[in-house]
Amino acid sequence: MDKIKAFEVLGLTPMIDGKLTNEQITAVKGLGFLRDKRFPDVFNARVITGNGKITTDTNRIILEAADKFGSSEVAFTSRMTVEIQGVKYENIPSLILFLKEHNIEVGGTGPRVRPVVSCKGTTCHFGLIDTFSLSMKIHERFYLGYHGEVLPHKFKIAVGGCPNNCVKPDLNDIGIIGQRIFTPDKDKCKGCKKCAVEEACPMKAASLKDSKIEIDASVCNNCGRCYKKCPFGAFDVASEGYKICIGGRWGKKTGRGTPLPKIFTSEDEVLNAVEKAIILFRDEGIKGERFADTIERLGFSYVSEKIIG
């Protein structure tokens, strides 16, 4: 397809006299192309990965696209997307159509649900939940499914596999953190002088009281390090859980999110909570304010009740 036809297919207009209008720059930004401020007609294209993981075949296509339509350079963003750099405005439609032929999308800008950030999950020694699977479900249901929904501001989501918080979930509008919830069997606790569970706990939440193990819930972060550490099986029973923080952000203004007063026990519960948060932000947020501002204005109790209740 020639370049003129490609512009027509995407509803874009070619440059006139080597200059771009603000409308043209805004139009391609909405498609995932951010202008390189050093040049009047050069952009970086954001490729959406879904959950931060791509195959070698996808990598090859991205690199081929960078050679054909960009500067042959590829960069990785802080939010697990890939940027094809040095794309001239005249090559943008051809790049988009080339990637679409291989089921690869560009985007990730504007006042919408943004691409999901995920850590390595259960491929990591400390991972408690399958972050790649959950992130892809969030991507499909909310990044793709809600792409037509214009929000008051951008809405960022991150999924961390454990309380180590490597992807900083609590600095996102919504952050999901893997948890391991225990029901200690105190009948199996022998009150060992040197308690393996107490030694394994990095938070120092476990301690012996009256020759029985006790967990201080106000200190425990449900990291799961004590799982099966007791030689007598007192910590062999555990369930998967999810903590959700809301209202975090990182940028010109920074603030950690606040955990909802509940540990969620299934992916369906998590997905429903995320959806309720997005809908609340869409319906009750004010244009230009972040979700953190909406929560502060409406009150955390009101927002958490809307999401949980």
Protein backbone atom coordinates (compact mmCIF):
# COMPACT_ATOMS: atom_id res chain seq x y z
CA MET A 1 0.00 0.00 0.00
CA ASP A 2 1.40 3.43 -0.93
CA LYS A 3 1.82 6.10 1.73
CA ILE A 4 -1.03 8.33 0.54
CA LYS A 5 -3.47 5.40 0.66
CA ALA A 6 -2.18 4.42 4.12
CA PHE A 7 -2.90 7.94 5.42
CA GLU A 8 -6.44 7.74 4.03
CA VAL A 9 -7.09 4.32 5.62
CA LEU A 10 -6.19 5.67 9.09
CA GLY A 11 -7.95 9.02 8.67
CA LEU A 12 -4.69 10.99 8.90
CA THR A 13 -3.47 13.81 6.67
CA PRO A 14 0.00 14.12 5.09
CA MET A 15 2.34 17.00 5.96
CA ILE A 16 2.05 20.15 3.90
CA ASP A 17 5.23 22.07 3.05
CA GLY A 18 7.22 19.95 5.52
CA LYS A 19 5.28 21.22 8.55
CA LEU A 20 2.95 19.56 11.03
CA THR A 21 -0.05 21.19 12.65
CA ASN A 22 -0.88 20.77 16.33
CA GLU A 23 -3.94 18.78 15.24
CA GLN A 24 -1.76 16.30 13.33
CA ILE A 25 0.61 15.88 16.30
CA THR A 26 -2.33 15.33 18.66
CA ALA A 27 -3.95 12.83 16.27
CA VAL A 28 -0.90 10.56 16.11
CA LYS A 29 -0.26 10.93 19.85
CA GLY A 30 -3.67 9.37 20.35
CA LEU A 31 -2.44 6.43 18.28
CA GLY A 32 0.65 5.93 20.45
CA PHE A 33 3.24 8.15 18.73
CA LEU A 34 5.08 10.65 20.91
CA ARG A 35 7.05 13.38 19.16
CA ASP A 36 10.81 13.50 19.58
CA LYS A 37 11.19 17.15 20.55
CA ARG A 38 14.58 17.38 18.84
CA PHE A 39 12.95 17.10 15.42
CA PRO A 40 9.81 18.61 13.87
CA ASP A 41 8.52 15.39 12.24
CA VAL A 42 10.03 12.45 14.17
CA PHE A 43 8.12 10.28 16.65
CA ASN A 44 8.57 7.28 18.95
CA ALA A 45 5.97 4.53 18.57
CA ARG A 46 4.75 2.72 21.68
CA VAL A 47 4.15 -0.98 21.07
CA ILE A 48 1.71 -2.65 23.46
CA THR A 49 2.87 -5.96 24.94
CA GLY A 50 -0.19 -6.81 27.04
CA ASN A 51 1.70 -7.97 30.12
CA GLY A 52 5.36 -7.15 29.49
CA LYS A 53 6.14 -10.51 27.87
CA ILE A 54 6.58 -11.10 24.13
CA THR A 55 7.73 -13.99 21.96
CA THR A 56 10.83 -14.15 19.78
CA ASP A 57 8.55 -13.91 16.70
CA THR A 58 7.04 -10.67 17.99
CA ASN A 59 10.51 -9.37 18.74
CA ARG A 60 11.58 -10.08 15.17
CA ILE A 61 8.61 -8.18 13.75
CA ILE A 62 9.27 -5.19 16.03
CA LEU A 63 12.92 -5.10 15.01
CA GLU A 64 11.99 -5.41 11.34
CA ALA A 65 9.56 -2.52 11.77
CA ALA A 66 12.28 -0.45 13.44
CA ASP A 67 14.55 -1.08 10.45
CA LYS A 68 11.90 -0.34 7.83
CA PHE A 69 10.13 2.64 9.37
CA GLY A 70 12.29 3.95 12.21
CA SER A 71 15.90 4.61 13.14
CA SER A 72 16.68 0.91 13.77
CA GLU A 73 16.60 1.68 17.51
CA VAL A 74 14.23 0.16 20.08
CA ALA A 75 13.84 1.35 23.67
CA PHE A 76 12.05 -0.14 26.67
CA THR A 77 9.83 2.12 28.75
CA SER A 78 9.39 2.11 32.52
CA ARG A 79 5.90 0.63 32.01
CA MET A 80 6.98 -2.49 30.16
CA THR A 81 6.15 -1.25 26.68
CA VAL A 82 8.51 -1.13 23.71
CA GLU A 83 9.22 2.02 21.72
CA ILE A 84 10.24 1.98 18.08
CA GLN A 85 12.27 5.15 17.85
CA GLY A 86 12.93 7.63 15.08
CA VAL A 87 9.71 7.15 13.08
CA LYS A 88 9.14 9.99 10.62
CA TYR A 89 5.59 11.27 10.36
CA GLU A 90 5.30 10.13 6.76
CA ASN A 91 6.07 6.53 7.86
CA ILE A 92 3.52 6.36 10.72
CA PRO A 93 0.58 4.90 8.73
CA SER A 94 2.78 2.31 7.03
CA LEU A 95 4.23 1.26 10.41
CA ILE A 96 0.78 0.89 11.98
CA LEU A 97 -0.52 -1.23 9.10
CA PHE A 98 2.64 -3.37 9.03
CA LEU A 99 2.34 -4.16 12.74
CA LYS A 100 -1.40 -4.84 12.44
CA GLU A 101 -0.68 -7.50 9.83
CA HIS A 102 1.15 -9.35 12.61
CA ASN A 103 -1.45 -8.64 15.34
CA ILE A 104 0.76 -6.07 17.07
CA GLU A 105 -0.80 -2.86 18.34
CA VAL A 106 0.54 0.59 19.16
CA GLY A 107 -1.07 2.94 21.69
CA GLY A 108 -0.93 3.53 25.44
CA THR A 109 -1.50 7.29 25.61
CA GLY A 110 -4.27 9.69 26.62
CA PRO A 111 -6.85 9.84 29.44
CA ARG A 112 -7.65 6.15 29.36
CA VAL A 113 -6.72 2.90 31.03
CA ARG A 114 -3.00 2.56 30.34
CA PRO A 115 -0.99 -0.60 29.56
CA VAL A 116 -0.64 -2.92 32.54
CA VAL A 117 2.71 -3.37 34.30
CA SER A 118 3.55 -6.83 35.62
CA CYS A 119 6.44 -8.37 37.53
CA LYS A 120 7.72 -11.91 36.86
CA GLY A 121 5.21 -13.53 39.21
CA THR A 122 5.67 -17.24 39.81
CA THR A 123 8.83 -17.39 37.68
CA CYS A 124 10.45 -15.54 40.61
CA HIS A 125 11.53 -17.29 43.81
CA PHE A 126 9.25 -15.03 45.86
CA GLY A 127 6.28 -14.89 43.46
CA LEU A 128 2.92 -15.90 44.95
CA ILE A 129 0.52 -15.34 42.03
CA ASP A 130 0.63 -15.77 38.25
CA THR A 131 1.05 -12.11 37.40
CA PHE A 132 1.42 -12.66 33.65
CA SER A 133 -1.94 -14.43 33.42
CA LEU A 134 -3.76 -11.88 35.59
CA SER A 135 -2.15 -8.95 33.77
CA MET A 136 -3.23 -10.30 30.39
CA LYS A 137 -6.81 -10.64 31.64
CA ILE A 138 -6.68 -7.04 32.87
CA HIS A 139 -5.20 -5.96 29.54
CA GLU A 140 -7.94 -7.64 27.53
CA ARG A 141 -10.82 -6.61 29.77
CA PHE A 142 -9.82 -3.06 30.61
CA TYR A 143 -7.06 -1.74 28.33
CA LEU A 144 -8.75 -3.15 25.22
CA GLY A 145 -12.32 -3.43 26.50
CA TYR A 146 -12.45 0.10 27.91
CA HIS A 147 -10.34 1.76 25.22
CA GLY A 148 -13.31 3.76 24.00
CA GLU A 149 -13.98 5.14 27.49
CA VAL A 150 -12.47 8.58 28.02
CA LEU A 151 -11.56 9.05 31.70
CA PRO A 152 -10.82 12.23 33.67
CA HIS A 153 -7.11 11.39 33.46
CA LYS A 154 -4.81 8.46 32.73
CA PHE A 155 -5.42 5.34 34.81
CA LYS A 156 -2.44 3.10 35.59
CA ILE A 157 -2.55 -0.49 36.83
CA ALA A 158 0.31 -2.63 38.12
CA VAL A 159 0.42 -6.26 39.27
CA GLY A 160 3.08 -7.42 41.71
CA GLY A 161 3.59 -11.05 42.63
CA CYS A 162 4.53 -10.51 46.28
CA PRO A 163 5.01 -7.79 48.91
CA ASN A 164 8.55 -7.10 47.63
CA ASN A 165 6.72 -4.64 45.35
CA CYS A 166 9.30 -4.69 42.55
CA VAL A 167 6.89 -3.00 40.10
CA LYS A 168 5.73 -0.56 42.80
CA PRO A 169 2.00 -1.39 42.65
CA ASP A 170 1.15 1.14 45.36
CA LEU A 171 2.43 3.98 43.16
CA ASN A 172 -0.27 3.26 40.57
CA ASP A 173 -3.92 4.26 40.43
CA ILE A 174 -4.61 0.63 41.25
CA GLY A 175 -1.97 -1.82 42.42
CA ILE A 176 -2.50 -5.54 42.96
CA ILE A 177 -0.12 -7.42 45.25
CA GLY A 178 0.09 -11.18 45.65
CA GLN A 179 -0.52 -12.53 49.16
CA ARG A 180 -0.26 -15.88 50.92
CA ILE A 181 -2.82 -16.27 53.68
CA PHE A 182 -2.16 -18.77 56.48
CA THR A 183 -4.34 -20.61 58.91
CA PRO A 184 -1.72 -21.86 61.42
CA ASP A 185 -2.50 -25.21 63.02
CA LYS A 186 -1.53 -24.43 66.60
CA ASP A 187 -2.21 -28.01 67.65
CA LYS A 188 0.85 -29.01 65.61
CA CYS A 189 3.03 -26.27 67.11
CA LYS A 190 5.49 -27.82 69.59
CA GLY A 191 6.76 -24.53 70.97
CA CYS A 192 10.31 -25.26 69.80
CA LYS A 193 12.98 -23.27 71.58
CA LYS A 194 14.38 -22.36 68.15
CA CYS A 195 11.29 -21.77 66.00
CA ALA A 196 11.86 -22.17 62.25
CA VAL A 197 8.84 -20.01 61.45
CA GLU A 198 10.04 -17.19 63.68
CA GLU A 199 13.48 -17.31 62.05
CA ALA A 200 12.00 -17.33 58.53
CA CYS A 201 9.77 -14.29 59.05
CA PRO A 202 11.46 -11.17 57.54
CA MET A 203 8.84 -8.88 59.11
CA LYS A 204 9.38 -10.26 62.65
CA ALA A 205 5.64 -10.80 62.86
CA ALA A 206 5.97 -14.36 64.18
CA SER A 207 6.81 -15.04 67.80
CA LEU A 208 6.25 -17.64 70.50
CA LYS A 209 3.79 -16.77 73.24
CA ASP A 210 2.96 -19.29 75.93
CA SER A 211 4.86 -21.90 73.91
CA LYS A 212 2.63 -21.41 70.84
CA ILE A 213 3.34 -19.54 67.63
CA GLU A 214 1.53 -16.22 67.21
CA ILE A 215 1.37 -13.96 64.13
CA ASP A 216 0.96 -10.23 64.63
CA ALA A 217 -1.53 -9.36 61.88
CA SER A 218 -0.66 -5.66 62.15
CA VAL A 219 2.94 -6.45 61.13
CA CYS A 220 2.56 -9.47 58.83
CA ASN A 221 2.55 -8.58 55.12
CA ASN A 222 1.49 -12.06 53.93
CA CYS A 223 4.74 -12.63 52.06
CA GLY A 224 4.54 -16.41 52.57
CA ARG A 225 8.17 -16.89 53.58
CA CYS A 226 7.04 -19.07 56.50
CA TYR A 227 5.21 -21.51 54.22
CA LYS A 228 6.06 -25.10 55.24
CA LYS A 229 8.92 -23.90 57.39
CA CYS A 230 7.54 -25.63 60.49
CA PRO A 231 8.90 -29.22 60.59
CA PHE A 232 5.70 -30.33 62.32
CA GLY A 233 3.36 -28.93 59.66
CA ALA A 234 1.87 -26.03 61.59
CA PHE A 235 2.27 -23.77 58.52
CA ASP A 236 1.46 -26.19 55.70
CA VAL A 237 -2.01 -24.81 54.91
CA ALA A 238 -2.21 -21.54 52.96
CA SER A 239 -4.38 -19.89 50.33
CA GLU A 240 -3.68 -17.44 47.52
CA GLY A 241 -4.80 -13.87 48.02
CA TYR A 242 -4.59 -10.39 46.53
CA LYS A 243 -4.15 -7.03 48.23
CA ILE A 244 -5.39 -4.02 46.26
CA CYS A 245 -4.08 -0.49 46.79
CA ILE A 246 -5.90 2.48 45.28
CA GLY A 247 -4.92 6.08 44.64
CA GLY A 248 -1.17 5.80 44.24
CA ARG A 249 0.73 7.92 41.74
CA TRP A 250 4.23 8.83 40.65
CA GLY A 251 5.13 11.98 38.77
CA LYS A 252 4.89 15.70 39.45
CA LYS A 253 2.92 14.74 42.54
CA THR A 254 3.70 11.51 44.33
CA GLY A 255 1.79 9.44 46.85
CA ARG A 256 1.42 5.84 47.91
CA GLY A 257 -1.89 4.12 47.44
CA THR A 258 -4.04 3.01 50.35
CA PRO A 259 -4.88 -0.70 50.71
CA LEU A 260 -8.54 -1.62 50.55
CA PRO A 261 -9.71 -3.11 53.86
CA LYS A 262 -9.99 -6.62 52.49
CA ILE A 263 -7.79 -9.38 51.10
CA PHE A 264 -9.36 -10.64 47.87
CA THR A 265 -9.36 -14.40 47.36
CA SER A 266 -9.97 -14.88 43.63
CA GLU A 267 -9.07 -13.34 40.28
CA ASP A 268 -12.76 -12.70 39.59
CA GLU A 269 -13.00 -10.61 42.75
CA VAL A 270 -9.93 -8.64 41.71
CA LEU A 271 -11.20 -8.03 38.18
CA ASN A 272 -14.57 -6.89 39.49
CA ALA A 273 -12.90 -4.50 41.94
CA VAL A 274 -10.74 -3.01 39.16
CA GLU A 275 -13.82 -2.55 36.98
CA LYS A 276 -15.76 -0.81 39.76
CA ALA A 277 -12.81 1.53 40.35
CA ILE A 278 -12.59 2.46 36.67
CA ILE A 279 -16.35 3.06 36.44
CA LEU A 280 -16.33 5.18 39.60
CA PHE A 281 -13.43 7.25 38.23
CA ARG A 282 -15.21 7.64 34.89
CA ASP A 283 -18.54 8.64 36.41
CA GLU A 284 -17.50 10.65 39.49
CA GLY A 285 -14.05 11.96 38.61
CA ILE A 286 -13.53 15.52 37.40
CA LYS A 287 -11.69 16.14 34.15
CA GLY A 288 -7.98 16.69 34.79
CA GLU A 289 -7.82 15.08 38.23
CA ARG A 290 -6.03 11.81 38.99
CA PHE A 291 -7.79 8.95 40.76
CA ALA A 292 -5.95 9.93 43.96
CA ASP A 293 -7.60 13.36 43.80
CA THR A 294 -11.00 11.77 43.25
CA ILE A 295 -10.50 9.55 46.31
CA GLU A 296 -9.42 12.52 48.43
CA ARG A 297 -12.40 14.57 47.29
CA LEU A 298 -15.00 11.83 47.76
CA GLY A 299 -13.41 10.19 50.80
CA PHE A 300 -11.60 6.86 51.04
CA SER A 301 -14.47 5.18 52.94
CA TYR A 302 -16.97 6.10 50.22
CA VAL A 303 -14.69 4.91 47.40
CA SER A 304 -13.68 1.67 49.11
CA GLU A 305 -17.32 0.85 49.85
CA LYS A 306 -18.18 1.42 46.18
CA ILE A 307 -15.37 -0.89 45.08
CA ILE A 308 -15.86 -3.63 47.67
CA GLY A 309 -19.60 -3.39 48.28
